[in-house]
C-alpha atoms as a PDB file:
ATOM      1  CA  MET A   1     -27.428  22.652  76.950  1.00  0.00           C
ATOM      2  CA  ARG A   2     -26.239  26.210  76.848  1.00  0.00           C
ATOM      3  CA  ILE A   3     -24.247  26.807  74.032  1.00  0.00           C
ATOM      4  CA  LEU A   4     -21.532  29.420  73.367  1.00  0.00           C
ATOM      5  CA  PHE A   5     -21.050  29.935  69.607  1.00  0.00           C
ATOM      6  CA  MET A   6     -17.710  30.831  68.114  1.00  0.00           C
ATOM      7  CA  GLY A   7     -17.482  31.330  64.415  1.00  0.00           C
ATOM      8  CA  THR A   8     -16.966  33.888  61.712  1.00  0.00           C
ATOM      9  CA  PRO A   9     -17.792  33.109  57.787  1.00  0.00           C
ATOM     10  CA  GLU A  10     -20.521  31.445  56.024  1.00  0.00           C
ATOM     11  CA  PHE A  11     -19.356  28.099  56.840  1.00  0.00           C
ATOM     12  CA  ALA A  12     -19.994  28.771  60.296  1.00  0.00           C
ATOM     13  CA  GLN A  13     -22.993  30.638  59.562  1.00  0.00           C
ATOM     14  CA  LYS A  14     -24.761  27.273  58.422  1.00  0.00           C
ATOM     15  CA  SER A  15     -23.960  25.802  61.576  1.00  0.00           C
ATOM     16  CA  LEU A  16     -25.416  28.490  63.810  1.00  0.00           C
ATOM     17  CA  GLU A  17     -28.374  28.434  61.820  1.00  0.00           C
ATOM     18  CA  ALA A  18     -28.679  24.614  62.325  1.00  0.00           C
ATOM     19  CA  LEU A  19     -28.415  25.146  66.157  1.00  0.00           C
ATOM     20  CA  ILE A  20     -31.203  27.960  65.966  1.00  0.00           C
ATOM     21  CA  GLU A  21     -33.509  25.905  63.625  1.00  0.00           C
ATOM     22  CA  ASP A  22     -33.189  22.899  66.181  1.00  0.00           C
ATOM     23  CA  LYS A  23     -34.203  25.624  68.927  1.00  0.00           C
ATOM     24  CA  ARG A  24     -30.915  25.125  70.743  1.00  0.00           C
ATOM     25  CA  ASP A  25     -29.825  27.371  73.638  1.00  0.00           C
ATOM     26  CA  VAL A  26     -27.303  29.346  71.835  1.00  0.00           C
ATOM     27  CA  VAL A  27     -26.577  31.881  74.776  1.00  0.00           C
ATOM     28  CA  CYS A  28     -24.303  34.266  72.662  1.00  0.00           C
ATOM     29  CA  VAL A  29     -22.093  34.544  69.824  1.00  0.00           C
ATOM     30  CA  ILE A  30     -18.138  35.511  69.591  1.00  0.00           C
ATOM     31  CA  THR A  31     -17.003  36.396  66.026  1.00  0.00           C
ATOM     32  CA  GLN A  32     -14.374  38.392  64.541  1.00  0.00           C
ATOM     33  CA  PRO A  33     -14.586  42.028  64.341  1.00  0.00           C
ATOM     34  CA  ASP A  34     -15.966  44.006  61.392  1.00  0.00           C
ATOM     35  CA  LYS A  35     -13.862  44.472  58.521  1.00  0.00           C
ATOM     36  CA  PRO A  36     -13.742  46.571  55.368  1.00  0.00           C
ATOM     37  CA  LYS A  37     -14.720  44.259  52.274  1.00  0.00           C
ATOM     38  CA  GLY A  38     -15.295  45.082  48.660  1.00  0.00           C
ATOM     39  CA  ARG A  39     -13.766  47.800  46.074  1.00  0.00           C
ATOM     40  CA  GLY A  40     -15.137  50.403  48.451  1.00  0.00           C
ATOM     41  CA  TYR A  41     -13.524  48.925  51.463  1.00  0.00           C
ATOM     42  CA  GLU A  42     -16.706  49.438  53.345  1.00  0.00           C
ATOM     43  CA  MET A  43     -17.101  47.945  56.768  1.00  0.00           C
ATOM     44  CA  ALA A  44     -19.097  44.697  56.563  1.00  0.00           C
ATOM     45  CA  MET A  45     -19.978  42.389  59.515  1.00  0.00           C
ATOM     46  CA  PRO A  46     -19.204  38.877  59.454  1.00  0.00           C
ATOM     47  CA  GLU A  47     -21.925  36.468  58.496  1.00  0.00           C
ATOM     48  CA  VAL A  48     -22.263  34.504  61.638  1.00  0.00           C
ATOM     49  CA  LYS A  49     -22.727  38.628  63.369  1.00  0.00           C
ATOM     50  CA  VAL A  50     -25.693  39.116  60.925  1.00  0.00           C
ATOM     51  CA  CYS A  51     -27.482  35.920  61.581  1.00  0.00           C
ATOM     52  CA  ALA A  52     -26.918  35.985  65.399  1.00  0.00           C
ATOM     53  CA  LEU A  53     -28.495  39.588  65.261  1.00  0.00           C
ATOM     54  CA  ARG A  54     -31.394  38.546  63.082  1.00  0.00           C
ATOM     55  CA  HIS A  55     -32.233  36.026  65.902  1.00  0.00           C
ATOM     56  CA  ASP A  56     -31.528  38.405  68.784  1.00  0.00           C
ATOM     57  CA  ILE A  57     -28.818  36.622  70.170  1.00  0.00           C
ATOM     58  CA  PRO A  58     -26.033  38.611  71.944  1.00  0.00           C
ATOM     59  CA  VAL A  59     -23.030  39.201  70.162  1.00  0.00           C
ATOM     60  CA  TYR A  60     -19.169  39.923  70.969  1.00  0.00           C
ATOM     61  CA  GLN A  61     -16.283  40.854  68.814  1.00  0.00           C
ATOM     62  CA  PRO A  62     -13.072  40.859  70.801  1.00  0.00           C
ATOM     63  CA  GLU A  63      -9.666  42.140  69.213  1.00  0.00           C
ATOM     64  CA  THR A  64      -7.880  39.214  71.052  1.00  0.00           C
ATOM     65  CA  LEU A  65      -8.406  36.184  73.528  1.00  0.00           C
ATOM     66  CA  LYS A  66      -5.165  36.534  74.986  1.00  0.00           C
ATOM     67  CA  ASP A  67      -4.744  37.209  78.804  1.00  0.00           C
ATOM     68  CA  GLY A  68      -8.495  36.247  79.714  1.00  0.00           C
ATOM     69  CA  ALA A  69      -9.765  38.786  77.454  1.00  0.00           C
ATOM     70  CA  ILE A  70     -13.385  37.208  77.234  1.00  0.00           C
ATOM     71  CA  LEU A  71     -13.280  35.358  80.700  1.00  0.00           C
ATOM     72  CA  PRO A  72     -16.034  37.765  81.583  1.00  0.00           C
ATOM     73  CA  ILE A  73     -18.246  36.725  78.930  1.00  0.00           C
ATOM     74  CA  LEU A  74     -17.632  33.159  79.654  1.00  0.00           C
ATOM     75  CA  GLU A  75     -18.498  33.551  83.617  1.00  0.00           C
ATOM     76  CA  GLU A  76     -21.451  35.779  82.594  1.00  0.00           C
ATOM     77  CA  TYR A  77     -23.090  33.034  80.120  1.00  0.00           C
ATOM     78  CA  ASN A  78     -21.329  30.144  81.680  1.00  0.00           C
ATOM     79  CA  PRO A  79     -21.732  27.971  78.495  1.00  0.00           C
ATOM     80  CA  ASP A  80     -21.707  24.081  78.957  1.00  0.00           C
ATOM     81  CA  ILE A  81     -20.266  23.545  75.783  1.00  0.00           C
ATOM     82  CA  ILE A  82     -18.426  26.007  73.238  1.00  0.00           C
ATOM     83  CA  ILE A  83     -18.841  25.423  69.641  1.00  0.00           C
ATOM     84  CA  VAL A  84     -16.217  26.472  67.357  1.00  0.00           C
ATOM     85  CA  VAL A  85     -16.547  26.805  63.439  1.00  0.00           C
ATOM     86  CA  ALA A  86     -14.054  28.465  61.351  1.00  0.00           C
ATOM     87  CA  TYR A  87     -13.116  31.316  63.955  1.00  0.00           C
ATOM     88  CA  GLY A  88      -9.953  32.148  63.018  1.00  0.00           C
ATOM     89  CA  LYS A  89      -7.752  32.291  65.939  1.00  0.00           C
ATOM     90  CA  ILE A  90      -6.329  29.837  68.242  1.00  0.00           C
ATOM     91  CA  LEU A  91      -8.286  29.390  71.755  1.00  0.00           C
ATOM     92  CA  PRO A  92      -6.207  29.900  74.621  1.00  0.00           C
ATOM     93  CA  GLU A  93      -6.381  27.318  77.227  1.00  0.00           C
ATOM     94  CA  TYR A  94      -8.573  29.123  79.740  1.00  0.00           C
ATOM     95  CA  ILE A  95     -11.489  29.045  77.150  1.00  0.00           C
ATOM     96  CA  LEU A  96     -10.643  25.370  76.009  1.00  0.00           C
ATOM     97  CA  ASN A  97     -10.872  24.260  79.620  1.00  0.00           C
ATOM     98  CA  PHE A  98     -13.680  26.497  80.777  1.00  0.00           C
ATOM     99  CA  PRO A  99     -17.073  24.330  79.442  1.00  0.00           C
ATOM    100  CA  LYS A 100     -18.594  21.373  81.245  1.00  0.00           C
ATOM    101  CA  TYR A 101     -18.544  19.092  77.924  1.00  0.00           C
ATOM    102  CA  GLY A 102     -15.311  20.923  76.542  1.00  0.00           C
ATOM    103  CA  CYS A 103     -14.808  23.036  73.044  1.00  0.00           C
ATOM    104  CA  VAL A 104     -16.186  21.228  70.013  1.00  0.00           C
ATOM    105  CA  ASN A 105     -14.867  22.000  66.316  1.00  0.00           C
ATOM    106  CA  ILE A 106     -16.520  21.410  63.267  1.00  0.00           C
ATOM    107  CA  HIS A 107     -13.621  20.912  60.326  1.00  0.00           C
ATOM    108  CA  GLY A 108     -14.214  20.359  56.887  1.00  0.00           C
ATOM    109  CA  SER A 109     -12.004  17.386  55.958  1.00  0.00           C
ATOM    110  CA  LEU A 110     -11.841  13.795  57.198  1.00  0.00           C
ATOM    111  CA  LEU A 111      -9.623  13.979  59.769  1.00  0.00           C
ATOM    112  CA  PRO A 112      -6.547  13.235  60.370  1.00  0.00           C
ATOM    113  CA  LYS A 113      -6.252  14.154  56.749  1.00  0.00           C
ATOM    114  CA  TYR A 114      -6.081  17.923  55.979  1.00  0.00           C
ATOM    115  CA  ARG A 115      -5.579  19.777  59.166  1.00  0.00           C
ATOM    116  CA  GLY A 116      -4.870  23.406  58.869  1.00  0.00           C
ATOM    117  CA  ALA A 117      -6.657  26.470  57.208  1.00  0.00           C
ATOM    118  CA  ALA A 118      -7.467  25.363  53.563  1.00  0.00           C
ATOM    119  CA  PRO A 119      -8.765  21.874  54.002  1.00  0.00           C
ATOM    120  CA  ILE A 120     -11.662  22.185  51.368  1.00  0.00           C
ATOM    121  CA  GLN A 121      -9.571  23.461  48.646  1.00  0.00           C
ATOM    122  CA  ARG A 122      -6.857  21.268  49.161  1.00  0.00           C
ATOM    123  CA  ALA A 123      -8.840  18.381  48.509  1.00  0.00           C
ATOM    124  CA  VAL A 124     -10.208  19.309  45.662  1.00  0.00           C
ATOM    125  CA  ILE A 125      -6.789  20.557  44.309  1.00  0.00           C
ATOM    126  CA  ASP A 126      -5.474  16.911  44.988  1.00  0.00           C
ATOM    127  CA  GLY A 127      -8.049  15.282  43.163  1.00  0.00           C
ATOM    128  CA  GLU A 128      -9.982  13.533  46.250  1.00  0.00           C
ATOM    129  CA  LYS A 129     -13.282  11.604  45.369  1.00  0.00           C
ATOM    130  CA  VAL A 130     -14.348  11.985  48.939  1.00  0.00           C
ATOM    131  CA  SER A 131     -13.798  14.208  51.789  1.00  0.00           C
ATOM    132  CA  GLY A 132     -16.417  15.418  54.394  1.00  0.00           C
ATOM    133  CA  VAL A 133     -16.798  16.871  57.786  1.00  0.00           C
ATOM    134  CA  THR A 134     -15.308  16.005  61.398  1.00  0.00           C
ATOM    135  CA  SER A 135     -16.536  17.080  64.599  1.00  0.00           C
ATOM    136  CA  MET A 136     -13.450  16.930  67.453  1.00  0.00           C
ATOM    137  CA  TYR A 137     -12.839  17.978  70.719  1.00  0.00           C
ATOM    138  CA  MET A 138     -10.211  20.889  70.597  1.00  0.00           C
ATOM    139  CA  GLU A 139      -6.944  21.123  72.253  1.00  0.00           C
ATOM    140  CA  LYS A 140      -3.605  23.166  72.188  1.00  0.00           C
ATOM    141  CA  GLY A 141      -2.765  21.405  69.119  1.00  0.00           C
ATOM    142  CA  LEU A 142      -3.943  22.361  65.545  1.00  0.00           C
ATOM    143  CA  ASP A 143      -7.067  20.202  64.668  1.00  0.00           C
ATOM    144  CA  THR A 144      -5.331  17.300  66.761  1.00  0.00           C
ATOM    145  CA  GLY A 145      -8.032  16.647  69.104  1.00  0.00           C
ATOM    146  CA  ASP A 146     -10.073  13.404  69.551  1.00  0.00           C
ATOM    147  CA  ILE A 147     -12.898  12.814  66.813  1.00  0.00           C
ATOM    148  CA  LEU A 148     -16.370  12.806  67.953  1.00  0.00           C
ATOM    149  CA  VAL A 149     -18.242  12.177  64.697  1.00  0.00           C
ATOM    150  CA  LYS A 150     -17.181  11.912  61.051  1.00  0.00           C
ATOM    151  CA  ARG A 151     -19.555  11.926  57.903  1.00  0.00           C
ATOM    152  CA  GLU A 152     -18.108  11.639  54.177  1.00  0.00           C
ATOM    153  CA  LEU A 153     -19.623  13.813  51.078  1.00  0.00           C
ATOM    154  CA  PRO A 154     -18.346  12.644  47.408  1.00  0.00           C
ATOM    155  CA  ILE A 155     -16.591  15.420  45.530  1.00  0.00           C
ATOM    156  CA  GLY A 156     -18.245  15.567  42.050  1.00  0.00           C
ATOM    157  CA  GLU A 157     -15.969  15.290  38.737  1.00  0.00           C
ATOM    158  CA  THR A 158     -16.757  18.776  38.170  1.00  0.00           C
ATOM    159  CA  THR A 159     -17.127  20.232  41.658  1.00  0.00           C
ATOM    160  CA  THR A 160     -15.351  23.068  42.495  1.00  0.00           C
ATOM    161  CA  ALA A 161     -14.022  24.105  45.849  1.00  0.00           C
ATOM    162  CA  GLY A 162     -17.008  26.986  46.026  1.00  0.00           C
ATOM    163  CA  GLU A 163     -19.362  24.464  45.473  1.00  0.00           C
ATOM    164  CA  TYR A 164     -18.367  22.016  47.855  1.00  0.00           C
ATOM    165  CA  HIS A 165     -17.752  24.373  50.783  1.00  0.00           C
ATOM    166  CA  ASP A 166     -21.365  25.000  50.462  1.00  0.00           C
ATOM    167  CA  ALA A 167     -22.305  21.528  50.509  1.00  0.00           C
ATOM    168  CA  LEU A 168     -19.950  20.545  53.630  1.00  0.00           C
ATOM    169  CA  ALA A 169     -21.298  23.948  55.530  1.00  0.00           C
ATOM    170  CA  ILE A 170     -24.780  22.545  55.094  1.00  0.00           C
ATOM    171  CA  LEU A 171     -23.357  18.675  56.299  1.00  0.00           C
ATOM    172  CA  GLY A 172     -21.470  20.548  59.284  1.00  0.00           C
ATOM    173  CA  GLY A 173     -24.648  22.001  60.656  1.00  0.00           C
ATOM    174  CA  LYS A 174     -26.122  18.218  60.477  1.00  0.00           C
ATOM    175  CA  VAL A 175     -23.048  16.766  61.959  1.00  0.00           C
ATOM    176  CA  LEU A 176     -22.634  19.490  64.754  1.00  0.00           C
ATOM    177  CA  LEU A 177     -26.619  18.701  65.886  1.00  0.00           C
ATOM    178  CA  GLU A 178     -25.765  14.951  65.970  1.00  0.00           C
ATOM    179  CA  THR A 179     -22.590  15.816  68.073  1.00  0.00           C
ATOM    180  CA  VAL A 180     -24.468  17.976  70.476  1.00  0.00           C
ATOM    181  CA  ASP A 181     -27.169  15.097  70.995  1.00  0.00           C
ATOM    182  CA  ALA A 182     -24.406  12.236  71.338  1.00  0.00           C
ATOM    183  CA  LEU A 183     -22.857  14.090  74.154  1.00  0.00           C
ATOM    184  CA  GLU A 184     -25.810  15.174  76.055  1.00  0.00           C
ATOM    185  CA  LYS A 185     -26.762  11.337  76.017  1.00  0.00           C
ATOM    186  CA  GLY A 186     -23.265  10.156  76.534  1.00  0.00           C
ATOM    187  CA  GLU A 187     -23.413   8.180  73.708  1.00  0.00           C
ATOM    188  CA  ILE A 188     -19.959   9.374  72.084  1.00  0.00           C
ATOM    189  CA  THR A 189     -16.622   7.317  72.336  1.00  0.00           C
ATOM    190  CA  PRO A 190     -13.962  10.117  71.361  1.00  0.00           C
ATOM    191  CA  GLU A 191     -11.411   8.641  69.097  1.00  0.00           C
ATOM    192  CA  LYS A 192      -7.482   9.519  68.873  1.00  0.00           C
ATOM    193  CA  GLN A 193      -6.196  10.797  65.818  1.00  0.00           C
ATOM    194  CA  ASP A 194      -3.446   8.923  64.151  1.00  0.00           C
ATOM    195  CA  GLY A 195      -0.961  11.944  63.383  1.00  0.00           C
ATOM    196  CA  SER A 196       0.967   9.748  61.013  1.00  0.00           C
ATOM    197  CA  LEU A 197      -2.044   9.872  58.491  1.00  0.00           C
ATOM    198  CA  SER A 198      -2.075  13.664  58.854  1.00  0.00           C
ATOM    199  CA  THR A 199      -1.228  16.104  56.170  1.00  0.00           C
ATOM    200  CA  TYR A 200      -1.317  20.135  56.522  1.00  0.00           C
ATOM    201  CA  ALA A 201      -3.663  22.044  54.397  1.00  0.00           C
ATOM    202  CA  HIS A 202      -1.895  25.311  53.900  1.00  0.00           C
ATOM    203  CA  GLN A 203      -3.795  28.695  53.486  1.00  0.00           C
ATOM    204  CA  LEU A 204      -3.981  29.672  49.971  1.00  0.00           C
ATOM    205  CA  SER A 205      -2.218  32.537  48.358  1.00  0.00           C
ATOM    206  CA  LYS A 206      -2.965  34.314  45.093  1.00  0.00           C
ATOM    207  CA  ALA A 207       0.433  33.527  43.672  1.00  0.00           C
ATOM    208  CA  GLU A 208      -0.564  30.003  43.905  1.00  0.00           C
ATOM    209  CA  GLY A 209      -2.962  30.330  41.275  1.00  0.00           C
ATOM    210  CA  GLU A 210      -0.287  30.347  38.575  1.00  0.00           C
ATOM    211  CA  ILE A 211      -0.952  27.618  36.026  1.00  0.00           C
ATOM    212  CA  ASN A 212       2.172  25.262  35.259  1.00  0.00           C
ATOM    213  CA  TRP A 213       1.830  23.830  31.971  1.00  0.00           C
ATOM    214  CA  ASN A 214       4.170  21.210  32.569  1.00  0.00           C
ATOM    215  CA  ASN A 215       1.925  19.697  34.923  1.00  0.00           C
ATOM    216  CA  THR A 216      -0.693  17.187  33.550  1.00  0.00           C
ATOM    217  CA  ASN A 217      -3.966  17.949  32.422  1.00  0.00           C
ATOM    218  CA  GLU A 218      -5.732  16.331  35.462  1.00  0.00           C
ATOM    219  CA  GLU A 219      -3.496  18.222  37.775  1.00  0.00           C
ATOM    220  CA  ILE A 220      -4.424  21.611  36.066  1.00  0.00           C
ATOM    221  CA  TYR A 221      -8.141  20.540  36.254  1.00  0.00           C
ATOM    222  CA  ASN A 222      -8.272  19.856  39.671  1.00  0.00           C
ATOM    223  CA  LYS A 223      -5.968  23.143  40.479  1.00  0.00           C
ATOM    224  CA  VAL A 224      -8.585  25.414  38.604  1.00  0.00           C
ATOM    225  CA  ARG A 225     -11.458  23.921  40.258  1.00  0.00           C
ATOM    226  CA  GLY A 226      -9.845  23.751  43.727  1.00  0.00           C
ATOM    227  CA  LEU A 227      -8.955  27.930  43.425  1.00  0.00           C
ATOM    228  CA  ASN A 228     -12.537  28.487  42.259  1.00  0.00           C
ATOM    229  CA  PRO A 229     -14.017  30.907  43.588  1.00  0.00           C
ATOM    230  CA  TRP A 230     -10.487  32.270  45.262  1.00  0.00           C
ATOM    231  CA  PRO A 231      -7.616  32.994  44.318  1.00  0.00           C
ATOM    232  CA  LYS A 232      -8.578  31.716  41.084  1.00  0.00           C
ATOM    233  CA  ALA A 233      -6.093  30.011  38.435  1.00  0.00           C
ATOM    234  CA  PHE A 234      -4.195  32.350  36.001  1.00  0.00           C
ATOM    235  CA  SER A 235      -1.719  32.342  33.493  1.00  0.00           C
ATOM    236  CA  PHE A 236      -0.560  34.831  30.666  1.00  0.00           C
ATOM    237  CA  ILE A 237      -0.876  35.263  27.018  1.00  0.00           C
ATOM    238  CA  GLY A 238       1.984  37.429  26.426  1.00  0.00           C
ATOM    239  CA  LYS A 239       2.187  39.987  28.781  1.00  0.00           C
ATOM    240  CA  LYS A 240      -1.715  39.819  29.456  1.00  0.00           C
ATOM    241  CA  ARG A 241      -2.613  38.248  32.696  1.00  0.00           C
ATOM    242  CA  PHE A 242      -5.749  36.185  32.469  1.00  0.00           C
ATOM    243  CA  VAL A 243      -8.087  33.998  35.022  1.00  0.00           C
ATOM    244  CA  VAL A 244     -10.250  30.879  34.582  1.00  0.00           C
ATOM    245  CA  ASP A 245     -12.999  29.622  36.444  1.00  0.00           C
ATOM    246  CA  PHE A 246     -12.968  26.257  34.927  1.00  0.00           C
ATOM    247  CA  VAL A 247     -11.469  24.222  32.046  1.00  0.00           C
ATOM    248  CA  TYR A 248     -12.085  21.120  30.069  1.00  0.00           C
ATOM    249  CA  LYS A 249      -9.691  18.134  29.936  1.00  0.00           C
ATOM    250  CA  SER A 250      -8.695  16.920  26.470  1.00  0.00           C
ATOM    251  CA  ASP A 251      -6.590  14.393  24.977  1.00  0.00           C
ATOM    252  CA  LYS A 252      -4.638  16.323  22.366  1.00  0.00           C
ATOM    253  CA  SER A 253      -1.352  16.851  23.159  1.00  0.00           C
ATOM    254  CA  GLY A 254       1.451  19.236  22.137  1.00  0.00           C
ATOM    255  CA  ASN A 255       4.298  21.218  23.681  1.00  0.00           C
ATOM    256  CA  ALA A 256       3.361  22.357  27.347  1.00  0.00           C
ATOM    257  CA  GLY A 257       1.812  25.338  27.439  1.00  0.00           C
ATOM    258  CA  GLU A 258       1.318  25.898  23.534  1.00  0.00           C
ATOM    259  CA  VAL A 259      -1.895  26.589  21.956  1.00  0.00           C
ATOM    260  CA  ILE A 260      -2.903  23.683  19.784  1.00  0.00           C
ATOM    261  CA  GLU A 261      -6.331  25.140  18.757  1.00  0.00           C
ATOM    262  CA  ALA A 262      -8.176  28.684  19.128  1.00  0.00           C
ATOM    263  CA  ASN A 263     -11.582  29.026  17.756  1.00  0.00           C
ATOM    264  CA  ASP A 264     -15.031  29.919  19.343  1.00  0.00           C
ATOM    265  CA  ASP A 265     -15.002  26.459  20.775  1.00  0.00           C
ATOM    266  CA  GLY A 266     -12.384  27.137  22.906  1.00  0.00           C
ATOM    267  CA  ILE A 267      -8.759  27.634  23.308  1.00  0.00           C
ATOM    268  CA  THR A 268      -7.341  24.539  23.722  1.00  0.00           C
ATOM    269  CA  VAL A 269      -3.653  24.437  25.765  1.00  0.00           C
ATOM    270  CA  ALA A 270      -1.092  21.184  25.721  1.00  0.00           C
ATOM    271  CA  CYS A 271       0.081  20.378  29.219  1.00  0.00           C
ATOM    272  CA  GLY A 272       2.958  18.061  30.324  1.00  0.00           C
ATOM    273  CA  LYS A 273       0.215  15.271  29.591  1.00  0.00           C
ATOM    274  CA  GLY A 274      -2.877  15.849  27.510  1.00  0.00           C
ATOM    275  CA  SER A 275      -4.404  19.302  27.316  1.00  0.00           C
ATOM    276  CA  VAL A 276      -7.227  21.563  28.630  1.00  0.00           C
ATOM    277  CA  ILE A 277      -9.933  23.597  26.835  1.00  0.00           C
ATOM    278  CA  ILE A 278     -10.421  27.303  28.058  1.00  0.00           C
ATOM    279  CA  LYS A 279     -13.930  28.061  26.876  1.00  0.00           C
ATOM    280  CA  ASP A 280     -14.447  31.288  29.290  1.00  0.00           C
ATOM    281  CA  ILE A 281     -11.573  33.724  29.947  1.00  0.00           C
ATOM    282  CA  LYS A 282     -11.203  37.056  32.199  1.00  0.00           C
ATOM    283  CA  ILE A 283      -8.389  39.373  31.021  1.00  0.00           C
ATOM    284  CA  GLU A 284      -7.255  42.002  33.782  1.00  0.00           C
ATOM    285  CA  GLY A 285      -9.772  44.800  33.883  1.00  0.00           C
ATOM    286  CA  LYS A 286     -12.398  42.961  32.133  1.00  0.00           C
ATOM    287  CA  LYS A 287     -15.310  40.689  33.146  1.00  0.00           C
ATOM    288  CA  MET A 288     -15.158  36.930  32.393  1.00  0.00           C
ATOM    289  CA  MET A 289     -16.327  36.150  28.662  1.00  0.00           C
ATOM    290  CA  PRO A 290     -16.574  33.539  26.150  1.00  0.00           C
ATOM    291  CA  VAL A 291     -13.531  32.707  24.387  1.00  0.00           C
ATOM    292  CA  SER A 292     -15.398  33.458  21.055  1.00  0.00           C
ATOM    293  CA  ASP A 293     -15.927  37.066  22.394  1.00  0.00           C
ATOM    294  CA  PHE A 294     -12.478  37.170  23.306  1.00  0.00           C
ATOM    295  CA  LEU A 295     -10.775  36.213  20.310  1.00  0.00           C
ATOM    296  CA  ARG A 296     -12.691  38.796  18.286  1.00  0.00           C
ATOM    297  CA  GLY A 297     -10.461  41.196  20.052  1.00  0.00           C
ATOM    298  CA  HIS A 298      -7.261  39.252  20.510  1.00  0.00           C
ATOM    299  CA  LYS A 299      -5.277  37.400  18.081  1.00  0.00           C
ATOM    300  CA  VAL A 300      -4.423  33.760  19.451  1.00  0.00           C
ATOM    301  CA  GLU A 301      -2.822  31.520  17.105  1.00  0.00           C
ATOM    302  CA  LYS A 302      -1.821  28.124  16.942  1.00  0.00           C
ATOM    303  CA  GLY A 303       1.722  27.489  18.541  1.00  0.00           C
ATOM    304  CA  THR A 304       0.872  30.655  21.006  1.00  0.00           C
ATOM    305  CA  LEU A 305       3.315  29.810  24.083  1.00  0.00           C
ATOM    306  CA  LEU A 306       1.444  30.843  27.184  1.00  0.00           C
ATOM    307  CA  GLY A 307       3.183  31.527  30.693  1.00  0.00           C
ATOM    308  CA  GLY A 308       3.901  29.338  33.360  1.00  0.00           C
ATOM    309  CA  VAL A 309       6.396  26.901  31.659  1.00  0.00           C
ATOM    310  CA  ASP A 310       9.226  26.159  33.296  1.00  0.00           C
END
């Protein structure tokens, strides 16, 4: 089966690597254009491109897919199937209708739940105990195509979105191989999605990271995990903005947003219900540091009110 692979970030790279390691016939790769990254804004290649070049697979980086832009590529390589994993753009109908076995997408949730751009992060933020990976046929709607294979993966109590992303990326490669095998053998019966069970996983924004201390400690705990590693949860001590990678739940109570304790063991902050303990903190312009180091240079007293309270 001749495979044209479309994908861009690390999540997609793991699926491409799975195809390569399984000695599948990946005839070419289409990925997003190189973009500036980091503080120096130096041009960087997408992870999928790096992987493809390492294995001498032809790479194309069109600025657009519209108006038949990649039709010459499709005609040249004549793929039997197009695999799409976190490519980053909507596919026009001429692409969807081109290959014999259609276009198959690997999606980081158990569809129909969490359609959209940030399914992994939303599952963690919502406190889900399990999510997973779905392969599906692609159609004009966003993540609405028929389901091919679904595989679950538990979300650990302390798992961050970044950790779960990495685990799902590996699972995605396995689901992809299972899907391609079954399609070749004619052993898959596509399943229609029940749209009434779907939710939309909106793209994350930096502003969303602000902690609302009126929320319960469970909600805040899940939000912090779900926004790690990006855009990260934040709040304010006075006018100083601080970021946290992780918090711990506590049963201690007080007025929402109020510091209950501040010592070398952590800063305990009251929530709408219960409290959370901050053990590592990052003030703007500084590196992440233990609270014990932070308190040596900053006075945080019991009763201090943090930002993010309605």
